[in-house]
Structure formats: structure tokens, C-alpha cells
Amino acid sequence: MTYLRIKNWEEFQHYKDRNPPWIKLHRGLLDDYEFERLQDASKAHLMLIWLFASQREGRIPNDQAFLKKKLGLKSEPNLQLLIDQGFLIVEQDASSALADCLQGASTETET
């Protein structure tokens, strides 16, 4: 399963070692051009995702059907749109290689 992280979560939340009863919603969000461009439903979905993520250290499963049910939504959230707009970040699986190894394993010596 892949997970999504909330962009800048650590910067905006001051709770470190417990489940917060609330999240910070900065009024600067009203000046965020990318947030303004979202449709109203996507804005609401994003804020509910933030609430859910507050219980999970700023990360959520990348599963639209699960989130629809968990958040009590009438439609699945458009996670790809929120990823494309930079609000959600796909976590890389640490067990998979980032790139193919193209170099030999022997050490280089100076001549």
C-alpha cells in the first residue's frame, strides 16, 4: 500500500507526540492561489483529509474508496488532483530502489 503525506504538515502542526483534538487552519490559505483554484468539493475533501491525517502523523493511505467511507463523503476524493496541485505528496516505498545501479562495485584507484 502506498501512503500520502500532507505537504508541510510538520511546519503547521505543533502537536508532536499525541492525537490533536484540532488542527491549525491558517488564514493564509485564503491567499493560496492553488487552493483558490480548487473546486469547492475538493477544498472540503482536503480539509477533511487534513483532519484525518492529524490522527496519523500527517499521512494517509492512498485509497480513495477507503477515504470516502472513512470521511463520510458522498463521492471519492480526487487524490490525484490534490497530488498534482501539491497538497499531497506520494511517499516513496523505502524497499524499492530509486535507480538502477549503473556503476561497478569495485573501488577506483588513482594512477
Protein backbone atom coordinates (compact mmCIF):
# COMPACT_ATOMS: atom_id res chain seq x y z
CA MET A 1 0.00 0.00 0.00
CA THR A 2 1.21 3.47 -0.79
CA TYR A 3 0.70 6.42 1.50
CA LEU A 4 0.35 10.15 1.03
CA ARG A 5 1.89 12.83 3.21
CA ILE A 6 0.37 16.22 3.81
CA LYS A 7 2.58 18.96 2.37
CA ASN A 8 4.36 20.94 5.14
CA TRP A 9 2.49 19.07 7.89
CA GLU A 10 5.29 19.38 10.44
CA GLU A 11 5.56 23.12 9.81
CA PHE A 12 1.92 23.86 10.54
CA GLN A 13 1.13 21.46 13.41
CA HIS A 14 2.68 21.89 16.81
CA TYR A 15 1.43 18.62 18.31
CA LYS A 16 4.27 16.15 18.19
CA ASP A 17 3.50 13.17 20.45
CA ARG A 18 -0.29 12.90 20.64
CA ASN A 19 -3.52 12.99 18.67
CA PRO A 20 -4.57 16.62 18.47
CA PRO A 21 -8.24 17.45 19.06
CA TRP A 22 -7.99 20.08 16.33
CA ILE A 23 -5.72 21.21 13.50
CA LYS A 24 -4.37 24.62 12.62
CA LEU A 25 -6.06 26.15 9.61
CA HIS A 26 -4.04 29.22 8.68
CA ARG A 27 -5.89 32.17 7.20
CA GLY A 28 -3.04 32.47 4.67
CA LEU A 29 -4.79 29.60 2.93
CA LEU A 30 -7.22 32.20 1.57
CA ASP A 31 -4.30 33.76 -0.32
CA ASP A 32 -3.04 30.43 -1.67
CA TYR A 33 -3.62 30.54 -5.43
CA GLU A 34 -3.61 26.75 -5.83
CA PHE A 35 -6.17 26.35 -3.02
CA GLU A 36 -8.38 29.07 -4.55
CA ARG A 37 -8.38 27.20 -7.87
CA LEU A 38 -9.77 24.00 -6.32
CA GLN A 39 -13.46 23.30 -6.73
CA ASP A 40 -15.46 23.67 -3.52
CA ALA A 41 -15.85 19.90 -3.09
CA SER A 42 -12.08 19.40 -3.37
CA LYS A 43 -11.47 22.11 -0.77
CA ALA A 44 -13.85 20.38 1.63
CA HIS A 45 -12.29 16.97 0.90
CA LEU A 46 -8.81 18.38 1.53
CA MET A 47 -9.80 19.85 4.89
CA LEU A 48 -11.36 16.53 5.95
CA ILE A 49 -8.22 14.74 4.80
CA TRP A 50 -6.19 17.12 7.00
CA LEU A 51 -8.40 16.24 9.98
CA PHE A 52 -7.97 12.53 9.35
CA ALA A 53 -4.22 12.93 8.83
CA SER A 54 -3.94 14.61 12.23
CA GLN A 55 -4.61 11.19 13.79
CA ARG A 56 -1.94 9.55 11.63
CA GLU A 57 1.10 11.83 11.92
CA GLY A 58 0.30 13.65 8.69
CA ARG A 59 -0.01 10.62 6.42
CA ILE A 60 -2.96 8.81 4.91
CA PRO A 61 -3.46 5.71 2.76
CA ASN A 62 -3.58 6.38 -0.97
CA ASP A 63 -7.02 4.77 -1.23
CA GLN A 64 -9.94 6.86 -2.50
CA ALA A 65 -12.63 4.29 -1.65
CA PHE A 66 -11.35 3.93 1.93
CA LEU A 67 -11.20 7.70 2.42
CA LYS A 68 -14.70 8.16 1.01
CA LYS A 69 -16.04 5.76 3.63
CA LYS A 70 -13.82 6.95 6.50
CA LEU A 71 -14.60 10.63 5.91
CA GLY A 72 -18.32 10.09 5.24
CA LEU A 73 -18.16 11.56 1.73
CA LYS A 74 -20.79 11.20 -0.99
CA SER A 75 -18.07 10.92 -3.66
CA GLU A 76 -14.49 9.74 -3.69
CA PRO A 77 -11.92 12.48 -3.14
CA ASN A 78 -9.83 13.28 -6.21
CA LEU A 79 -6.47 12.39 -4.70
CA GLN A 80 -4.62 12.75 -8.00
CA LEU A 81 -5.79 16.36 -8.30
CA LEU A 82 -4.61 17.09 -4.76
CA ILE A 83 -1.27 15.42 -5.56
CA ASP A 84 -0.94 17.37 -8.82
CA GLN A 85 -1.67 20.65 -7.02
CA GLY A 86 0.98 19.86 -4.39
CA PHE A 87 -1.28 19.44 -1.35
CA LEU A 88 -0.50 15.72 -1.02
CA ILE A 89 2.87 14.05 -1.56
CA VAL A 90 3.26 10.41 -2.55
CA GLU A 91 5.60 8.61 -0.16
CA GLN A 92 8.24 6.53 -1.84
CA ASP A 93 8.45 2.88 -0.83
CA ALA A 94 11.77 2.55 1.00
CA SER A 95 12.10 -1.08 -0.06
CA SER A 96 12.26 -0.25 -3.78
CA ALA A 97 15.42 1.03 -5.43
CA LEU A 98 15.45 4.65 -6.52
CA ALA A 99 17.55 3.94 -9.63
CA ASP A 100 19.28 1.08 -11.34
CA CYS A 101 22.92 0.72 -10.42
CA LEU A 102 24.97 1.51 -13.50
CA GLN A 103 28.41 1.60 -11.86
CA GLY A 104 30.69 -1.25 -10.93
CA ALA A 105 31.13 -2.13 -7.28
CA SER A 106 34.95 -2.03 -7.34
CA THR A 107 36.73 0.97 -5.87
CA GLU A 108 38.56 3.29 -8.19
CA THR A 109 42.28 3.75 -7.65
CA GLU A 110 44.38 6.70 -8.60
CA THR A 111 47.07 6.10 -11.23
